[in-house]
Amino acid sequence: MLSSLLFLLQACAPSRPSVRVTYEPSKLQGKARLMGRLVDAKTNEPVWAAVVSIEGTNLVSGADYNGQYYFDNIPLGKSTVKVKSISTGAFVLQEINVKPNQIVVVDFTLAARDTTLNP
């Protein structure tokens, strides 16, 4: 019984978003960029019915048909990226720390009814 419960908990556990950072001083000139992709955990297909935002700002982006989103000139320092998906019902948060000339790539794998908080 306990092993069945542990299996169910692991199967339902949300995966942490993938975060990668690169620097491109010649392109960004002291500013920063945020981009990434949203995919469905079950099908690995792009999630395009989603809204990505940076909390505390008016920056909002919709994921395109490939599940990709993009922001230029994002605030430097600590921010929280928020994803709300219409198709999966997912709501996910990911904290990032942005420095000048950075390209921050945050890829989200969304599970149906996911309510992950990843500080």
C-alpha atoms as a PDB file:
ATOM      1  CA  MET A   1       0.000   0.000   0.000  1.00  0.00           C
ATOM      2  CA  LEU A   2       2.763   2.430   0.934  1.00  0.00           C
ATOM      3  CA  SER A   3       4.678   1.713  -2.286  1.00  0.00           C
ATOM      4  CA  SER A   4       1.514   2.384  -4.328  1.00  0.00           C
ATOM      5  CA  LEU A   5       1.027   5.696  -2.548  1.00  0.00           C
ATOM      6  CA  LEU A   6       4.658   6.705  -3.142  1.00  0.00           C
ATOM      7  CA  PHE A   7       4.321   5.810  -6.830  1.00  0.00           C
ATOM      8  CA  LEU A   8       1.203   7.974  -7.148  1.00  0.00           C
ATOM      9  CA  LEU A   9       2.881  10.895  -5.380  1.00  0.00           C
ATOM     10  CA  GLN A  10       5.938  10.663  -7.638  1.00  0.00           C
ATOM     11  CA  ALA A  11       3.798  10.383 -10.774  1.00  0.00           C
ATOM     12  CA  CYS A  12       1.828  13.493  -9.806  1.00  0.00           C
ATOM     13  CA  ALA A  13       4.826  15.481  -8.630  1.00  0.00           C
ATOM     14  CA  PRO A  14       5.467  18.502 -10.860  1.00  0.00           C
ATOM     15  CA  SER A  15       8.805  18.834 -12.586  1.00  0.00           C
ATOM     16  CA  ARG A  16      10.892  21.912 -11.971  1.00  0.00           C
ATOM     17  CA  PRO A  17      11.252  24.278 -14.908  1.00  0.00           C
ATOM     18  CA  SER A  18      14.516  24.105 -16.817  1.00  0.00           C
ATOM     19  CA  VAL A  19      16.502  27.350 -16.430  1.00  0.00           C
ATOM     20  CA  ARG A  20      19.516  28.201 -18.613  1.00  0.00           C
ATOM     21  CA  VAL A  21      21.495  31.449 -18.764  1.00  0.00           C
ATOM     22  CA  THR A  22      23.806  32.820 -21.470  1.00  0.00           C
ATOM     23  CA  TYR A  23      25.488  36.208 -21.908  1.00  0.00           C
ATOM     24  CA  GLU A  24      25.452  38.324 -25.077  1.00  0.00           C
ATOM     25  CA  PRO A  25      26.822  41.803 -24.245  1.00  0.00           C
ATOM     26  CA  SER A  26      27.100  42.927 -27.886  1.00  0.00           C
ATOM     27  CA  LYS A  27      23.405  42.240 -28.600  1.00  0.00           C
ATOM     28  CA  LEU A  28      21.766  43.229 -25.318  1.00  0.00           C
ATOM     29  CA  GLN A  29      23.787  46.354 -24.399  1.00  0.00           C
ATOM     30  CA  GLY A  30      23.186  46.075 -20.648  1.00  0.00           C
ATOM     31  CA  LYS A  31      19.599  44.840 -20.899  1.00  0.00           C
ATOM     32  CA  ALA A  32      18.246  41.316 -20.444  1.00  0.00           C
ATOM     33  CA  ARG A  33      15.979  38.897 -22.315  1.00  0.00           C
ATOM     34  CA  LEU A  34      13.679  36.110 -21.081  1.00  0.00           C
ATOM     35  CA  MET A  35      12.469  33.355 -23.357  1.00  0.00           C
ATOM     36  CA  GLY A  36      11.428  29.741 -23.235  1.00  0.00           C
ATOM     37  CA  ARG A  37       9.038  27.027 -24.276  1.00  0.00           C
ATOM     38  CA  LEU A  38       5.967  25.431 -22.720  1.00  0.00           C
ATOM     39  CA  VAL A  39       5.234  21.740 -23.292  1.00  0.00           C
ATOM     40  CA  ASP A  40       2.565  19.364 -22.035  1.00  0.00           C
ATOM     41  CA  ALA A  41       3.969  16.820 -19.558  1.00  0.00           C
ATOM     42  CA  LYS A  42       1.804  14.004 -20.875  1.00  0.00           C
ATOM     43  CA  THR A  43       2.143  14.477 -24.646  1.00  0.00           C
ATOM     44  CA  ASN A  44       5.339  16.557 -24.891  1.00  0.00           C
ATOM     45  CA  GLU A  45       3.410  18.756 -27.359  1.00  0.00           C
ATOM     46  CA  PRO A  46       3.695  22.568 -27.274  1.00  0.00           C
ATOM     47  CA  VAL A  47       1.242  24.379 -25.006  1.00  0.00           C
ATOM     48  CA  TRP A  48       0.104  27.481 -26.859  1.00  0.00           C
ATOM     49  CA  ALA A  49      -2.973  28.377 -24.822  1.00  0.00           C
ATOM     50  CA  ALA A  50      -0.914  29.917 -22.028  1.00  0.00           C
ATOM     51  CA  VAL A  51      -0.033  33.337 -20.669  1.00  0.00           C
ATOM     52  CA  VAL A  52       3.435  34.062 -19.309  1.00  0.00           C
ATOM     53  CA  SER A  53       4.006  37.130 -17.147  1.00  0.00           C
ATOM     54  CA  ILE A  54       6.575  38.667 -14.834  1.00  0.00           C
ATOM     55  CA  GLU A  55       5.005  39.417 -11.475  1.00  0.00           C
ATOM     56  CA  GLY A  56       5.058  43.022 -10.340  1.00  0.00           C
ATOM     57  CA  THR A  57       5.315  44.336 -13.904  1.00  0.00           C
ATOM     58  CA  ASN A  58       2.977  44.852 -16.824  1.00  0.00           C
ATOM     59  CA  LEU A  59       5.046  42.445 -18.963  1.00  0.00           C
ATOM     60  CA  VAL A  60       2.827  39.714 -20.430  1.00  0.00           C
ATOM     61  CA  SER A  61       3.419  37.323 -23.319  1.00  0.00           C
ATOM     62  CA  GLY A  62       1.282  34.636 -24.893  1.00  0.00           C
ATOM     63  CA  ALA A  63       2.889  31.383 -25.954  1.00  0.00           C
ATOM     64  CA  ASP A  64       2.788  30.916 -29.729  1.00  0.00           C
ATOM     65  CA  TYR A  65       1.726  27.738 -31.562  1.00  0.00           C
ATOM     66  CA  ASN A  66       5.176  26.270 -30.895  1.00  0.00           C
ATOM     67  CA  GLY A  67       4.775  26.919 -27.162  1.00  0.00           C
ATOM     68  CA  GLN A  68       7.422  29.642 -27.239  1.00  0.00           C
ATOM     69  CA  TYR A  69       7.321  32.944 -25.360  1.00  0.00           C
ATOM     70  CA  TYR A  70       9.673  35.932 -25.400  1.00  0.00           C
ATOM     71  CA  PHE A  71      10.407  39.124 -23.427  1.00  0.00           C
ATOM     72  CA  ASP A  72      12.967  41.842 -24.133  1.00  0.00           C
ATOM     73  CA  ASN A  73      14.155  44.433 -21.615  1.00  0.00           C
ATOM     74  CA  ILE A  74      13.100  42.500 -18.532  1.00  0.00           C
ATOM     75  CA  PRO A  75      13.803  43.961 -15.089  1.00  0.00           C
ATOM     76  CA  LEU A  76      17.210  43.233 -13.606  1.00  0.00           C
ATOM     77  CA  GLY A  77      17.384  41.469 -10.244  1.00  0.00           C
ATOM     78  CA  LYS A  78      15.015  38.920  -8.778  1.00  0.00           C
ATOM     79  CA  SER A  79      11.700  38.349 -10.524  1.00  0.00           C
ATOM     80  CA  THR A  80       9.040  35.675 -10.592  1.00  0.00           C
ATOM     81  CA  VAL A  81       7.879  34.211 -13.889  1.00  0.00           C
ATOM     82  CA  LYS A  82       4.240  33.120 -13.823  1.00  0.00           C
ATOM     83  CA  VAL A  83       2.572  30.745 -16.292  1.00  0.00           C
ATOM     84  CA  LYS A  84      -1.182  30.236 -16.542  1.00  0.00           C
ATOM     85  CA  SER A  85      -2.382  27.657 -19.032  1.00  0.00           C
ATOM     86  CA  ILE A  86      -5.933  27.574 -20.309  1.00  0.00           C
ATOM     87  CA  SER A  87      -5.618  24.156 -21.933  1.00  0.00           C
ATOM     88  CA  THR A  88      -4.020  22.295 -19.005  1.00  0.00           C
ATOM     89  CA  GLY A  89      -5.315  24.432 -16.145  1.00  0.00           C
ATOM     90  CA  ALA A  90      -1.719  24.725 -14.905  1.00  0.00           C
ATOM     91  CA  PHE A  91      -0.435  27.593 -12.768  1.00  0.00           C
ATOM     92  CA  VAL A  92       3.348  27.621 -12.253  1.00  0.00           C
ATOM     93  CA  LEU A  93       5.794  30.092 -10.698  1.00  0.00           C
ATOM     94  CA  GLN A  94       9.573  30.189 -11.150  1.00  0.00           C
ATOM     95  CA  GLU A  95      11.928  32.673  -9.507  1.00  0.00           C
ATOM     96  CA  ILE A  96      14.811  34.015 -11.596  1.00  0.00           C
ATOM     97  CA  ASN A  97      17.700  36.363 -10.852  1.00  0.00           C
ATOM     98  CA  VAL A  98      18.599  38.451 -13.894  1.00  0.00           C
ATOM     99  CA  LYS A  99      21.839  40.318 -14.548  1.00  0.00           C
ATOM    100  CA  PRO A 100      22.745  42.727 -17.376  1.00  0.00           C
ATOM    101  CA  ASN A 101      23.454  41.149 -20.785  1.00  0.00           C
ATOM    102  CA  GLN A 102      21.805  37.854 -19.832  1.00  0.00           C
ATOM    103  CA  ILE A 103      19.518  35.728 -21.919  1.00  0.00           C
ATOM    104  CA  VAL A 104      17.516  33.651 -19.449  1.00  0.00           C
ATOM    105  CA  VAL A 105      15.746  30.612 -20.908  1.00  0.00           C
ATOM    106  CA  VAL A 106      13.033  29.058 -18.728  1.00  0.00           C
ATOM    107  CA  ASP A 107      11.290  26.021 -20.219  1.00  0.00           C
ATOM    108  CA  PHE A 108       8.147  24.793 -18.465  1.00  0.00           C
ATOM    109  CA  THR A 109       6.669  21.300 -18.582  1.00  0.00           C
ATOM    110  CA  LEU A 110       3.009  21.696 -17.644  1.00  0.00           C
ATOM    111  CA  ALA A 111       0.856  18.950 -16.184  1.00  0.00           C
ATOM    112  CA  ALA A 112      -2.923  19.126 -16.115  1.00  0.00           C
ATOM    113  CA  ARG A 113      -4.096  21.012 -13.043  1.00  0.00           C
ATOM    114  CA  ASP A 114      -0.476  21.658 -12.016  1.00  0.00           C
ATOM    115  CA  THR A 115      -0.191  24.206  -9.208  1.00  0.00           C
ATOM    116  CA  THR A 116       3.577  24.209  -8.751  1.00  0.00           C
ATOM    117  CA  LEU A 117       5.335  26.848  -6.717  1.00  0.00           C
ATOM    118  CA  ASN A 118       9.103  26.755  -7.315  1.00  0.00           C
ATOM    119  CA  PRO A 119      10.755  29.501  -5.299  1.00  0.00           C
END
